[in-house]
C-alpha cells in the first residue's frame, strides 16, 4: 500500500514523427501531462509531496514549452519526440523535486488526445 498525490498541466506544443505524411510534418498537439507521486508513508506534515512545489515546476515547464517545438528537449538517444519520450523528459525534469521532498515513485502520462497517451514511471529515491 502507498499514498499518492498528483496534478496536471495542459499545453500546446509541436513535434514531428520520422514518418511520411502529416505526422512527419511539424504539427501541434494539445497535450495534457498528468503526474502522480507515491510513497509508502507521508512526511511529518502528512504529505507525499508539497503540491505547490510540483505545480511550480510544471508551470515552469509549461512556460518553456508552450507553443514551441519539442525538438528543443528531445534527448539524443531518441529518434523522435513521441509521447513516451516526452513523458520520460518530464519525469527527468520533476525527479529532483520529488527527491528533495523525500523520494518515492513518480509516474508521468502525456496525453496527445483525450484518450491517447504515453507514460513513464520510475522510483526517484
PDB file of N, CA and C in Angstrom:
ATOM      1  N   UNK A   1       0.841  -1.178   0.000  1.00  0.00           N
ATOM      2  CA  UNK A   1       0.000   0.000   0.000  1.00  0.00           C
ATOM      3  C   UNK A   1       0.882   1.236   0.000  1.00  0.00           C
ATOM      4  N   UNK A   2       0.355   2.297  -0.604  1.00  0.00           N
ATOM      5  CA  UNK A   2       1.105   3.548  -0.615  1.00  0.00           C
ATOM      6  C   UNK A   2       0.143   4.723  -0.729  1.00  0.00           C
ATOM      7  N   UNK A   3       0.660   5.892  -0.370  1.00  0.00           N
ATOM      8  CA  UNK A   3      -0.075   7.143  -0.515  1.00  0.00           C
ATOM      9  C   UNK A   3       0.310   7.749  -1.857  1.00  0.00           C
ATOM     10  N   UNK A   4      -0.594   8.518  -2.443  1.00  0.00           N
ATOM     11  CA  UNK A   4      -0.259   9.188  -3.687  1.00  0.00           C
ATOM     12  C   UNK A   4      -0.941  10.533  -3.777  1.00  0.00           C
ATOM     13  N   UNK A   5      -0.339  11.389  -4.584  1.00  0.00           N
ATOM     14  CA  UNK A   5      -0.870  12.716  -4.866  1.00  0.00           C
ATOM     15  C   UNK A   5      -0.480  13.043  -6.306  1.00  0.00           C
ATOM     16  N   UNK A   6      -1.294  13.852  -6.957  1.00  0.00           N
ATOM     17  CA  UNK A   6      -0.992  14.160  -8.350  1.00  0.00           C
ATOM     18  C   UNK A   6      -1.547  15.498  -8.781  1.00  0.00           C
ATOM     19  N   UNK A   7      -1.120  15.889  -9.966  1.00  0.00           N
ATOM     20  CA  UNK A   7      -1.569  17.140 -10.560  1.00  0.00           C
ATOM     21  C   UNK A   7      -1.413  17.046 -12.073  1.00  0.00           C
ATOM     22  N   UNK A   8      -1.903  18.040 -12.773  1.00  0.00           N
ATOM     23  CA  UNK A   8      -1.854  18.047 -14.239  1.00  0.00           C
ATOM     24  C   UNK A   8      -1.562  19.441 -14.756  1.00  0.00           C
ATOM     25  N   UNK A   9      -1.085  19.486 -15.987  1.00  0.00           N
ATOM     26  CA  UNK A   9      -0.908  20.735 -16.700  1.00  0.00           C
ATOM     27  C   UNK A   9      -1.215  20.468 -18.168  1.00  0.00           C
ATOM     28  N   UNK A  10      -1.735  21.462 -18.846  1.00  0.00           N
ATOM     29  CA  UNK A  10      -2.018  21.340 -20.278  1.00  0.00           C
ATOM     30  C   UNK A  10      -1.183  22.356 -21.039  1.00  0.00           C
ATOM     31  N   UNK A  11      -0.805  21.987 -22.250  1.00  0.00           N
ATOM     32  CA  UNK A  11      -0.048  22.895 -23.100  1.00  0.00           C
ATOM     33  C   UNK A  11      -0.205  22.496 -24.558  1.00  0.00           C
ATOM     34  N   UNK A  12       0.023  23.443 -25.414  1.00  0.00           N
ATOM     35  CA  UNK A  12       0.047  23.185 -26.850  1.00  0.00           C
ATOM     36  C   UNK A  12       1.504  23.274 -27.279  1.00  0.00           C
ATOM     37  N   UNK A  13       1.980  22.221 -27.940  1.00  0.00           N
ATOM     38  CA  UNK A  13       3.360  22.189 -28.411  1.00  0.00           C
ATOM     39  C   UNK A  13       3.414  21.452 -29.737  1.00  0.00           C
ATOM     40  N   UNK A  14       4.530  21.568 -30.401  1.00  0.00           N
ATOM     41  CA  UNK A  14       4.692  20.991 -31.731  1.00  0.00           C
ATOM     42  C   UNK A  14       5.711  19.854 -31.718  1.00  0.00           C
ATOM     43  N   UNK A  15       5.521  18.942 -32.669  1.00  0.00           N
ATOM     44  CA  UNK A  15       6.509  17.888 -32.873  1.00  0.00           C
ATOM     45  C   UNK A  15       6.317  17.303 -34.263  1.00  0.00           C
ATOM     46  N   UNK A  16       7.239  16.431 -34.634  1.00  0.00           N
ATOM     47  CA  UNK A  16       7.132  15.708 -35.903  1.00  0.00           C
ATOM     48  C   UNK A  16       7.617  14.291 -35.660  1.00  0.00           C
ATOM     49  N   UNK A  17       7.078  13.378 -36.425  1.00  0.00           N
ATOM     50  CA  UNK A  17       7.465  11.977 -36.327  1.00  0.00           C
ATOM     51  C   UNK A  17       8.317  11.613 -37.549  1.00  0.00           C
ATOM     52  N   UNK A  18       9.186  10.620 -37.423  1.00  0.00           N
ATOM     53  CA  UNK A  18      10.032  10.223 -38.555  1.00  0.00           C
ATOM     54  C   UNK A  18       9.282   9.286 -39.515  1.00  0.00           C
ATOM     55  N   UNK A  19       8.164   9.786 -40.053  1.00  0.00           N
ATOM     56  CA  UNK A  19       7.322   9.020 -40.973  1.00  0.00           C
ATOM     57  C   UNK A  19       6.887   9.931 -42.112  1.00  0.00           C
ATOM     58  N   UNK A  20       6.395   9.330 -43.166  1.00  0.00           N
ATOM     59  CA  UNK A  20       5.825  10.093 -44.279  1.00  0.00           C
ATOM     60  C   UNK A  20       4.406  10.523 -43.920  1.00  0.00           C
ATOM     61  N   UNK A  21       3.952  11.599 -44.531  1.00  0.00           N
ATOM     62  CA  UNK A  21       2.584  12.039 -44.318  1.00  0.00           C
ATOM     63  C   UNK A  21       2.475  13.135 -43.283  1.00  0.00           C
ATOM     64  N   UNK A  22       1.252  13.444 -42.880  1.00  0.00           N
ATOM     65  CA  UNK A  22       1.011  14.575 -41.968  1.00  0.00           C
ATOM     66  C   UNK A  22       1.763  14.468 -40.636  1.00  0.00           C
ATOM     67  N   UNK A  23       1.901  13.275 -40.097  1.00  0.00           N
ATOM     68  CA  UNK A  23       2.614  13.125 -38.820  1.00  0.00           C
ATOM     69  C   UNK A  23       4.109  13.411 -38.965  1.00  0.00           C
ATOM     70  N   UNK A  24       4.614  13.310 -40.197  1.00  0.00           N
ATOM     71  CA  UNK A  24       6.014  13.613 -40.453  1.00  0.00           C
ATOM     72  C   UNK A  24       6.300  15.094 -40.601  1.00  0.00           C
ATOM     73  N   UNK A  25       5.251  15.886 -40.707  1.00  0.00           N
ATOM     74  CA  UNK A  25       5.379  17.346 -40.774  1.00  0.00           C
ATOM     75  C   UNK A  25       5.261  17.914 -39.363  1.00  0.00           C
ATOM     76  N   UNK A  26       5.835  19.089 -39.166  1.00  0.00           N
ATOM     77  CA  UNK A  26       5.703  19.759 -37.880  1.00  0.00           C
ATOM     78  C   UNK A  26       4.223  20.072 -37.650  1.00  0.00           C
ATOM     79  N   UNK A  27       3.685  19.585 -36.535  1.00  0.00           N
ATOM     80  CA  UNK A  27       2.275  19.786 -36.218  1.00  0.00           C
ATOM     81  C   UNK A  27       2.094  19.915 -34.711  1.00  0.00           C
ATOM     82  N   UNK A  28       0.960  20.443 -34.315  1.00  0.00           N
ATOM     83  CA  UNK A  28       0.708  20.725 -32.901  1.00  0.00           C
ATOM     84  C   UNK A  28      -0.222  19.685 -32.285  1.00  0.00           C
ATOM     85  N   UNK A  29      -0.045  19.515 -30.984  1.00  0.00           N
ATOM     86  CA  UNK A  29      -0.969  18.732 -30.159  1.00  0.00           C
ATOM     87  C   UNK A  29      -1.304  19.572 -28.933  1.00  0.00           C
ATOM     88  N   UNK A  30      -2.502  19.401 -28.442  1.00  0.00           N
ATOM     89  CA  UNK A  30      -2.870  19.936 -27.141  1.00  0.00           C
ATOM     90  C   UNK A  30      -2.605  18.829 -26.139  1.00  0.00           C
ATOM     91  N   UNK A  31      -1.461  18.922 -25.474  1.00  0.00           N
ATOM     92  CA  UNK A  31      -1.029  17.893 -24.543  1.00  0.00           C
ATOM     93  C   UNK A  31      -1.605  18.139 -23.150  1.00  0.00           C
ATOM     94  N   UNK A  32      -1.895  17.057 -22.450  1.00  0.00           N
ATOM     95  CA  UNK A  32      -2.188  17.106 -21.018  1.00  0.00           C
ATOM     96  C   UNK A  32      -1.173  16.206 -20.345  1.00  0.00           C
ATOM     97  N   UNK A  33      -0.477  16.738 -19.364  1.00  0.00           N
ATOM     98  CA  UNK A  33       0.529  15.978 -18.628  1.00  0.00           C
ATOM     99  C   UNK A  33      -0.013  15.722 -17.233  1.00  0.00           C
ATOM    100  N   UNK A  34      -0.184  14.450 -16.896  1.00  0.00           N
ATOM    101  CA  UNK A  34      -0.617  14.037 -15.563  1.00  0.00           C
ATOM    102  C   UNK A  34       0.575  13.454 -14.827  1.00  0.00           C
ATOM    103  N   UNK A  35       0.789  13.896 -13.605  1.00  0.00           N
ATOM    104  CA  UNK A  35       1.868  13.343 -12.790  1.00  0.00           C
ATOM    105  C   UNK A  35       1.291  12.839 -11.474  1.00  0.00           C
ATOM    106  N   UNK A  36       1.798  11.690 -11.034  1.00  0.00           N
ATOM    107  CA  UNK A  36       1.391  11.094  -9.763  1.00  0.00           C
ATOM    108  C   UNK A  36       2.650  10.707  -9.007  1.00  0.00           C
ATOM    109  N   UNK A  37       2.720  11.120  -7.759  1.00  0.00           N
ATOM    110  CA  UNK A  37       3.828  10.762  -6.882  1.00  0.00           C
ATOM    111  C   UNK A  37       3.282   9.847  -5.802  1.00  0.00           C
ATOM    112  N   UNK A  38       3.969   8.738  -5.548  1.00  0.00           N
ATOM    113  CA  UNK A  38       3.527   7.821  -4.493  1.00  0.00           C
ATOM    114  C   UNK A  38       4.692   7.493  -3.572  1.00  0.00           C
ATOM    115  N   UNK A  39       4.359   7.256  -2.310  1.00  0.00           N
ATOM    116  CA  UNK A  39       5.329   6.855  -1.280  1.00  0.00           C
ATOM    117  C   UNK A  39       4.635   5.917  -0.314  1.00  0.00           C
ATOM    118  N   UNK A  40       5.432   5.124   0.375  1.00  0.00           N
ATOM    119  CA  UNK A  40       4.882   4.207   1.369  1.00  0.00           C
ATOM    120  C   UNK A  40       4.253   4.940   2.542  1.00  0.00           C
ATOM    121  N   UNK A  41       4.770   6.123   2.856  1.00  0.00           N
ATOM    122  CA  UNK A  41       4.280   6.868   4.007  1.00  0.00           C
ATOM    123  C   UNK A  41       4.309   8.355   3.689  1.00  0.00           C
ATOM    124  N   UNK A  42       3.561   9.131   4.435  1.00  0.00           N
ATOM    125  CA  UNK A  42       3.569  10.581   4.275  1.00  0.00           C
ATOM    126  C   UNK A  42       4.657  11.176   5.165  1.00  0.00           C
ATOM    127  N   UNK A  43       5.022  12.414   4.897  1.00  0.00           N
ATOM    128  CA  UNK A  43       6.035  13.080   5.714  1.00  0.00           C
ATOM    129  C   UNK A  43       5.408  13.600   7.009  1.00  0.00           C
ATOM    130  N   UNK A  44       6.172  14.344   7.798  1.00  0.00           N
ATOM    131  CA  UNK A  44       5.702  14.849   9.086  1.00  0.00           C
ATOM    132  C   UNK A  44       4.518  15.807   8.937  1.00  0.00           C
ATOM    133  N   UNK A  45       4.370  16.412   7.746  1.00  0.00           N
ATOM    134  CA  UNK A  45       3.253  17.326   7.502  1.00  0.00           C
ATOM    135  C   UNK A  45       2.017  16.585   7.012  1.00  0.00           C
ATOM    136  N   UNK A  46       2.153  15.265   6.825  1.00  0.00           N
ATOM    137  CA  UNK A  46       1.036  14.480   6.315  1.00  0.00           C
ATOM    138  C   UNK A  46       0.941  14.490   4.803  1.00  0.00           C
ATOM    139  N   UNK A  47       2.052  14.807   4.118  1.00  0.00           N
ATOM    140  CA  UNK A  47       2.061  14.932   2.659  1.00  0.00           C
ATOM    141  C   UNK A  47       2.977  13.904   2.004  1.00  0.00           C
ATOM    142  N   UNK A  48       2.621  13.517   0.804  1.00  0.00           N
ATOM    143  CA  UNK A  48       3.518  12.736  -0.045  1.00  0.00           C
ATOM    144  C   UNK A  48       4.571  13.685  -0.604  1.00  0.00           C
ATOM    145  N   UNK A  49       4.101  14.798  -1.147  1.00  0.00           N
ATOM    146  CA  UNK A  49       4.943  15.876  -1.661  1.00  0.00           C
ATOM    147  C   UNK A  49       4.101  17.142  -1.626  1.00  0.00           C
ATOM    148  N   UNK A  50       4.731  18.276  -1.477  1.00  0.00           N
ATOM    149  CA  UNK A  50       4.019  19.549  -1.474  1.00  0.00           C
ATOM    150  C   UNK A  50       3.555  19.838  -2.901  1.00  0.00           C
ATOM    151  N   UNK A  51       2.241  19.847  -3.113  1.00  0.00           N
ATOM    152  CA  UNK A  51       1.697  20.080  -4.450  1.00  0.00           C
ATOM    153  C   UNK A  51       2.082  21.447  -5.007  1.00  0.00           C
ATOM    154  N   UNK A  52       2.294  22.428  -4.140  1.00  0.00           N
ATOM    155  CA  UNK A  52       2.709  23.749  -4.620  1.00  0.00           C
ATOM    156  C   UNK A  52       4.066  23.667  -5.325  1.00  0.00           C
ATOM    157  N   UNK A  53       4.993  22.897  -4.779  1.00  0.00           N
ATOM    158  CA  UNK A  53       6.308  22.740  -5.405  1.00  0.00           C
ATOM    159  C   UNK A  53       6.194  22.013  -6.741  1.00  0.00           C
ATOM    160  N   UNK A  54       5.383  20.983  -6.775  1.00  0.00           N
ATOM    161  CA  UNK A  54       5.169  20.226  -8.004  1.00  0.00           C
ATOM    162  C   UNK A  54       4.498  21.102  -9.063  1.00  0.00           C
ATOM    163  N   UNK A  55       3.472  21.840  -8.670  1.00  0.00           N
ATOM    164  CA  UNK A  55       2.783  22.745  -9.594  1.00  0.00           C
ATOM    165  C   UNK A  55       3.719  23.829 -10.120  1.00  0.00           C
ATOM    166  N   UNK A  56       4.604  24.329  -9.271  1.00  0.00           N
ATOM    167  CA  UNK A  56       5.550  25.366  -9.686  1.00  0.00           C
ATOM    168  C   UNK A  56       6.485  24.853 -10.779  1.00  0.00           C
ATOM    169  N   UNK A  57       7.005  23.646 -10.611  1.00  0.00           N
ATOM    170  CA  UNK A  57       7.907  23.090 -11.621  1.00  0.00           C
ATOM    171  C   UNK A  57       7.159  22.783 -12.914  1.00  0.00           C
ATOM    172  N   UNK A  58       5.924  22.307 -12.806  1.00  0.00           N
ATOM    173  CA  UNK A  58       5.119  22.076 -14.010  1.00  0.00           C
ATOM    174  C   UNK A  58       4.796  23.399 -14.712  1.00  0.00           C
ATOM    175  N   UNK A  59       4.564  24.465 -13.961  1.00  0.00           N
ATOM    176  CA  UNK A  59       4.309  25.776 -14.561  1.00  0.00           C
ATOM    177  C   UNK A  59       5.546  26.268 -15.303  1.00  0.00           C
ATOM    178  N   UNK A  60       6.722  26.031 -14.733  1.00  0.00           N
ATOM    179  CA  UNK A  60       7.969  26.408 -15.419  1.00  0.00           C
ATOM    180  C   UNK A  60       8.112  25.634 -16.723  1.00  0.00           C
ATOM    181  N   UNK A  61       7.828  24.345 -16.670  1.00  0.00           N
ATOM    182  CA  UNK A  61       7.896  23.521 -17.870  1.00  0.00           C
ATOM    183  C   UNK A  61       6.911  24.030 -18.919  1.00  0.00           C
ATOM    184  N   UNK A  62       5.695  24.325 -18.492  1.00  0.00           N
ATOM    185  CA  UNK A  62       4.678  24.873 -19.391  1.00  0.00           C
ATOM    186  C   UNK A  62       5.186  26.147 -20.065  1.00  0.00           C
ATOM    187  N   UNK A  63       5.733  27.074 -19.272  1.00  0.00           N
ATOM    188  CA  UNK A  63       6.192  28.341 -19.815  1.00  0.00           C
ATOM    189  C   UNK A  63       7.325  28.146 -20.825  1.00  0.00           C
ATOM    190  N   UNK A  64       8.178  27.158 -20.608  1.00  0.00           N
ATOM    191  CA  UNK A  64       9.287  26.883 -21.523  1.00  0.00           C
ATOM    192  C   UNK A  64       8.819  26.259 -22.835  1.00  0.00           C
ATOM    193  N   UNK A  65       7.742  25.455 -22.789  1.00  0.00           N
ATOM    194  CA  UNK A  65       7.363  24.660 -23.954  1.00  0.00           C
ATOM    195  C   UNK A  65       6.097  25.107 -24.671  1.00  0.00           C
ATOM    196  N   UNK A  66       5.286  25.930 -24.055  1.00  0.00           N
ATOM    197  CA  UNK A  66       4.019  26.338 -24.665  1.00  0.00           C
ATOM    198  C   UNK A  66       4.262  26.955 -26.049  1.00  0.00           C
ATOM    199  N   UNK A  67       3.637  26.354 -27.065  1.00  0.00           N
ATOM    200  CA  UNK A  67       3.734  26.851 -28.427  1.00  0.00           C
ATOM    201  C   UNK A  67       5.049  26.579 -29.124  1.00  0.00           C
ATOM    202  N   UNK A  68       5.923  25.813 -28.490  1.00  0.00           N
ATOM    203  CA  UNK A  68       7.253  25.581 -29.056  1.00  0.00           C
ATOM    204  C   UNK A  68       7.389  24.173 -29.617  1.00  0.00           C
ATOM    205  N   UNK A  69       8.451  23.994 -30.380  1.00  0.00           N
ATOM    206  CA  UNK A  69       8.800  22.703 -30.964  1.00  0.00           C
ATOM    207  C   UNK A  69       9.486  21.854 -29.891  1.00  0.00           C
ATOM    208  N   UNK A  70       8.958  20.663 -29.621  1.00  0.00           N
ATOM    209  CA  UNK A  70       9.519  19.775 -28.605  1.00  0.00           C
ATOM    210  C   UNK A  70      10.886  19.226 -28.991  1.00  0.00           C
ATOM    211  N   UNK A  71      11.292  19.461 -30.221  1.00  0.00           N
ATOM    212  CA  UNK A  71      12.628  19.057 -30.653  1.00  0.00           C
ATOM    213  C   UNK A  71      13.698  19.679 -29.741  1.00  0.00           C
ATOM    214  N   UNK A  72      13.390  20.822 -29.155  1.00  0.00           N
ATOM    215  CA  UNK A  72      14.333  21.518 -28.282  1.00  0.00           C
ATOM    216  C   UNK A  72      14.710  20.692 -27.054  1.00  0.00           C
ATOM    217  N   UNK A  73      13.851  19.765 -26.638  1.00  0.00           N
ATOM    218  CA  UNK A  73      14.170  18.952 -25.450  1.00  0.00           C
ATOM    219  C   UNK A  73      14.334  17.476 -25.782  1.00  0.00           C
ATOM    220  N   UNK A  74      14.317  17.131 -27.072  1.00  0.00           N
ATOM    221  CA  UNK A  74      14.456  15.715 -27.455  1.00  0.00           C
ATOM    222  C   UNK A  74      15.835  15.214 -27.051  1.00  0.00           C
ATOM    223  N   UNK A  75      15.883  14.120 -26.290  1.00  0.00           N
ATOM    224  CA  UNK A  75      17.183  13.551 -25.918  1.00  0.00           C
ATOM    225  C   UNK A  75      17.871  12.943 -27.140  1.00  0.00           C
ATOM    226  N   UNK A  76      19.186  12.932 -27.121  1.00  0.00           N
ATOM    227  CA  UNK A  76      19.965  12.416 -28.247  1.00  0.00           C
ATOM    228  C   UNK A  76      19.633  10.969 -28.582  1.00  0.00           C
ATOM    229  N   UNK A  77      19.288  10.178 -27.579  1.00  0.00           N
ATOM    230  CA  UNK A  77      19.032   8.751 -27.798  1.00  0.00           C
ATOM    231  C   UNK A  77      17.686   8.476 -28.464  1.00  0.00           C
ATOM    232  N   UNK A  78      16.839   9.489 -28.592  1.00  0.00           N
ATOM    233  CA  UNK A  78      15.503   9.287 -29.160  1.00  0.00           C
ATOM    234  C   UNK A  78      15.451   9.794 -30.599  1.00  0.00           C
ATOM    235  N   UNK A  79      14.877   8.997 -31.460  1.00  0.00           N
ATOM    236  CA  UNK A  79      14.737   9.397 -32.861  1.00  0.00           C
ATOM    237  C   UNK A  79      13.668  10.466 -33.035  1.00  0.00           C
ATOM    238  N   UNK A  80      12.660  10.434 -32.183  1.00  0.00           N
ATOM    239  CA  UNK A  80      11.563  11.395 -32.284  1.00  0.00           C
ATOM    240  C   UNK A  80      11.010  11.685 -30.900  1.00  0.00           C
ATOM    241  N   UNK A  81      10.300  12.793 -30.791  1.00  0.00           N
ATOM    242  CA  UNK A  81       9.671  13.164 -29.533  1.00  0.00           C
ATOM    243  C   UNK A  81       8.272  12.576 -29.492  1.00  0.00           C
ATOM    244  N   UNK A  82       8.199  11.297 -29.182  1.00  0.00           N
ATOM    245  CA  UNK A  82       6.925  10.608 -29.019  1.00  0.00           C
ATOM    246  C   UNK A  82       6.347  10.961 -27.650  1.00  0.00           C
ATOM    247  N   UNK A  83       5.116  10.563 -27.389  1.00  0.00           N
ATOM    248  CA  UNK A  83       4.534  10.828 -26.067  1.00  0.00           C
ATOM    249  C   UNK A  83       5.292  10.058 -24.982  1.00  0.00           C
ATOM    250  N   UNK A  84       5.829   8.889 -25.335  1.00  0.00           N
ATOM    251  CA  UNK A  84       6.610   8.118 -24.359  1.00  0.00           C
ATOM    252  C   UNK A  84       7.896   8.857 -23.992  1.00  0.00           C
ATOM    253  N   UNK A  85       8.582   9.380 -25.009  1.00  0.00           N
ATOM    254  CA  UNK A  85       9.821  10.125 -24.764  1.00  0.00           C
ATOM    255  C   UNK A  85       9.520  11.429 -24.033  1.00  0.00           C
ATOM    256  N   UNK A  86       8.440  12.081 -24.406  1.00  0.00           N
ATOM    257  CA  UNK A  86       8.036  13.303 -23.713  1.00  0.00           C
ATOM    258  C   UNK A  86       7.776  13.011 -22.235  1.00  0.00           C
ATOM    259  N   UNK A  87       7.102  11.902 -21.942  1.00  0.00           N
ATOM    260  CA  UNK A  87       6.846  11.519 -20.546  1.00  0.00           C
ATOM    261  C   UNK A  87       8.150  11.295 -19.801  1.00  0.00           C
ATOM    262  N   UNK A  88       9.122  10.647 -20.447  1.00  0.00           N
ATOM    263  CA  UNK A  88      10.436  10.429 -19.819  1.00  0.00           C
ATOM    264  C   UNK A  88      11.108  11.768 -19.522  1.00  0.00           C
ATOM    265  N   UNK A  89      11.043  12.713 -20.469  1.00  0.00           N
ATOM    266  CA  UNK A  89      11.655  14.028 -20.270  1.00  0.00           C
ATOM    267  C   UNK A  89      11.025  14.767 -19.091  1.00  0.00           C
ATOM    268  N   UNK A  90       9.714  14.695 -18.988  1.00  0.00           N
ATOM    269  CA  UNK A  90       9.021  15.335 -17.861  1.00  0.00           C
ATOM    270  C   UNK A  90       9.438  14.662 -16.553  1.00  0.00           C
ATOM    271  N   UNK A  91       9.529  13.340 -16.561  1.00  0.00           N
ATOM    272  CA  UNK A  91       9.970  12.603 -15.369  1.00  0.00           C
ATOM    273  C   UNK A  91      11.352  13.073 -14.936  1.00  0.00           C
ATOM    274  N   UNK A  92      12.271  13.169 -15.881  1.00  0.00           N
ATOM    275  CA  UNK A  92      13.629  13.612 -15.563  1.00  0.00           C
ATOM    276  C   UNK A  92      13.630  15.025 -14.993  1.00  0.00           C
ATOM    277  N   UNK A  93      12.758  15.865 -15.495  1.00  0.00           N
ATOM    278  CA  UNK A  93      12.659  17.246 -15.038  1.00  0.00           C
ATOM    279  C   UNK A  93      12.121  17.324 -13.614  1.00  0.00           C
ATOM    280  N   UNK A  94      11.124  16.486 -13.285  1.00  0.00           N
ATOM    281  CA  UNK A  94      10.483  16.540 -11.969  1.00  0.00           C
ATOM    282  C   UNK A  94      11.181  15.704 -10.904  1.00  0.00           C
ATOM    283  N   UNK A  95      11.983  14.736 -11.301  1.00  0.00           N
ATOM    284  CA  UNK A  95      12.613  13.821 -10.337  1.00  0.00           C
ATOM    285  C   UNK A  95      13.380  14.544  -9.229  1.00  0.00           C
ATOM    286  N   UNK A  96      14.170  15.585  -9.522  1.00  0.00           N
ATOM    287  CA  UNK A  96      14.870  16.265  -8.423  1.00  0.00           C
ATOM    288  C   UNK A  96      13.932  16.892  -7.396  1.00  0.00           C
ATOM    289  N   UNK A  97      12.802  17.412  -7.835  1.00  0.00           N
ATOM    290  CA  UNK A  97      11.811  17.994  -6.915  1.00  0.00           C
ATOM    291  C   UNK A  97      11.278  16.907  -5.988  1.00  0.00           C
ATOM    292  N   UNK A  98      10.973  15.749  -6.552  1.00  0.00           N
ATOM    293  CA  UNK A  98      10.436  14.635  -5.767  1.00  0.00           C
ATOM    294  C   UNK A  98      11.516  14.087  -4.831  1.00  0.00           C
ATOM    295  N   UNK A  99      12.738  14.000  -5.310  1.00  0.00           N
ATOM    296  CA  UNK A  99      13.853  13.516  -4.488  1.00  0.00           C
ATOM    297  C   UNK A  99      14.039  14.413  -3.268  1.00  0.00           C
ATOM    298  N   UNK A 100      14.036  15.730  -3.469  1.00  0.00           N
ATOM    299  CA  UNK A 100      14.194  16.678  -2.356  1.00  0.00           C
ATOM    300  C   UNK A 100      13.044  16.560  -1.359  1.00  0.00           C
ATOM    301  N   UNK A 101      11.882  16.151  -1.836  1.00  0.00           N
ATOM    302  CA  UNK A 101      10.703  16.044  -0.971  1.00  0.00           C
ATOM    303  C   UNK A 101      10.643  14.710  -0.234  1.00  0.00           C
ATOM    304  N   UNK A 102      11.607  13.844  -0.438  1.00  0.00           N
ATOM    305  CA  UNK A 102      11.620  12.579   0.281  1.00  0.00           C
ATOM    306  C   UNK A 102      11.534  11.353  -0.600  1.00  0.00           C
ATOM    307  N   UNK A 103      11.483  11.554  -1.897  1.00  0.00           N
ATOM    308  CA  UNK A 103      11.525  10.416  -2.816  1.00  0.00           C
ATOM    309  C   UNK A 103      10.185   9.755  -3.038  1.00  0.00           C
ATOM    310  N   UNK A 104      10.276   8.557  -3.536  1.00  0.00           N
ATOM    311  CA  UNK A 104       9.086   7.808  -3.889  1.00  0.00           C
ATOM    312  C   UNK A 104       9.094   7.468  -5.362  1.00  0.00           C
ATOM    313  N   UNK A 105       7.933   7.145  -5.877  1.00  0.00           N
ATOM    314  CA  UNK A 105       7.798   6.803  -7.285  1.00  0.00           C
ATOM    315  C   UNK A 105       7.067   7.929  -8.004  1.00  0.00           C
ATOM    316  N   UNK A 106       7.550   8.271  -9.185  1.00  0.00           N
ATOM    317  CA  UNK A 106       6.928   9.300  -9.997  1.00  0.00           C
ATOM    318  C   UNK A 106       6.426   8.664 -11.280  1.00  0.00           C
ATOM    319  N   UNK A 107       5.150   8.871 -11.556  1.00  0.00           N
ATOM    320  CA  UNK A 107       4.516   8.375 -12.772  1.00  0.00           C
ATOM    321  C   UNK A 107       4.053   9.571 -13.594  1.00  0.00           C
ATOM    322  N   UNK A 108       4.407   9.560 -14.883  1.00  0.00           N
ATOM    323  CA  UNK A 108       4.035  10.645 -15.787  1.00  0.00           C
ATOM    324  C   UNK A 108       3.279  10.059 -16.971  1.00  0.00           C
ATOM    325  N   UNK A 109       2.151  10.639 -17.287  1.00  0.00           N
ATOM    326  CA  UNK A 109       1.409  10.291 -18.510  1.00  0.00           C
ATOM    327  C   UNK A 109       1.240  11.562 -19.322  1.00  0.00           C
ATOM    328  N   UNK A 110       1.554  11.463 -20.611  1.00  0.00           N
ATOM    329  CA  UNK A 110       1.385  12.581 -21.532  1.00  0.00           C
ATOM    330  C   UNK A 110       0.306  12.187 -22.536  1.00  0.00           C
ATOM    331  N   UNK A 111      -0.791  12.899 -22.501  1.00  0.00           N
ATOM    332  CA  UNK A 111      -1.903  12.668 -23.425  1.00  0.00           C
ATOM    333  C   UNK A 111      -1.748  13.604 -24.620  1.00  0.00           C
ATOM    334  N   UNK A 112      -1.839  13.044 -25.842  1.00  0.00           N
ATOM    335  CA  UNK A 112      -1.812  13.879 -27.041  1.00  0.00           C
ATOM    336  C   UNK A 112      -3.207  14.028 -27.646  1.00  0.00           C
ATOM    337  N   UNK A 113      -4.168  13.373 -27.032  1.00  0.00           N
ATOM    338  CA  UNK A 113      -5.578  13.496 -27.391  1.00  0.00           C
ATOM    339  C   UNK A 113      -6.353  13.168 -26.115  1.00  0.00           C
ATOM    340  N   UNK A 114      -7.667  13.289 -26.134  1.00  0.00           N
ATOM    341  CA  UNK A 114      -8.414  12.950 -24.920  1.00  0.00           C
ATOM    342  C   UNK A 114      -8.218  11.508 -24.447  1.00  0.00           C
ATOM    343  N   UNK A 115      -7.805  10.595 -25.347  1.00  0.00           N
ATOM    344  CA  UNK A 115      -7.707   9.177 -24.946  1.00  0.00           C
ATOM    345  C   UNK A 115      -6.341   8.550 -25.182  1.00  0.00           C
ATOM    346  N   UNK A 116      -5.494   9.136 -26.019  1.00  0.00           N
ATOM    347  CA  UNK A 116      -4.203   8.525 -26.368  1.00  0.00           C
ATOM    348  C   UNK A 116      -3.080   9.124 -25.540  1.00  0.00           C
ATOM    349  N   UNK A 117      -2.282   8.246 -24.911  1.00  0.00           N
ATOM    350  CA  UNK A 117      -1.200   8.732 -24.060  1.00  0.00           C
ATOM    351  C   UNK A 117       0.001   7.796 -24.110  1.00  0.00           C
ATOM    352  N   UNK A 118       1.115   8.313 -23.639  1.00  0.00           N
ATOM    353  CA  UNK A 118       2.315   7.537 -23.378  1.00  0.00           C
ATOM    354  C   UNK A 118       2.760   7.872 -21.978  1.00  0.00           C
ATOM    355  N   UNK A 119       3.509   6.983 -21.361  1.00  0.00           N
ATOM    356  CA  UNK A 119       3.893   7.241 -19.980  1.00  0.00           C
ATOM    357  C   UNK A 119       5.258   6.705 -19.634  1.00  0.00           C
ATOM    358  N   UNK A 120       5.706   7.135 -18.446  1.00  0.00           N
ATOM    359  CA  UNK A 120       6.971   6.661 -17.883  1.00  0.00           C
ATOM    360  C   UNK A 120       6.825   6.698 -16.363  1.00  0.00           C
ATOM    361  N   UNK A 121       7.277   5.615 -15.701  1.00  0.00           N
ATOM    362  CA  UNK A 121       7.186   5.526 -14.245  1.00  0.00           C
ATOM    363  C   UNK A 121       8.475   4.934 -13.713  1.00  0.00           C
ATOM    364  N   UNK A 122       9.021   5.563 -12.649  1.00  0.00           N
ATOM    365  CA  UNK A 122      10.236   5.041 -12.021  1.00  0.00           C
ATOM    366  C   UNK A 122      10.374   5.630 -10.622  1.00  0.00           C
ATOM    367  N   UNK A 123      11.130   4.943  -9.809  1.00  0.00           N
ATOM    368  CA  UNK A 123      11.460   5.418  -8.469  1.00  0.00           C
ATOM    369  C   UNK A 123      12.487   6.539  -8.583  1.00  0.00           C
ATOM    370  N   UNK A 124      12.364   7.557  -7.755  1.00  0.00           N
ATOM    371  CA  UNK A 124      13.287   8.679  -7.807  1.00  0.00           C
ATOM    372  C   UNK A 124      14.182   8.765  -6.574  1.00  0.00           C
ATOM    373  N   UNK A 125      13.987   7.905  -5.593  1.00  0.00           N
ATOM    374  CA  UNK A 125      14.806   7.975  -4.380  1.00  0.00           C
ATOM    375  C   UNK A 125      16.051   7.152  -4.493  1.00  0.00           C
TER     376      UNK A 125
END
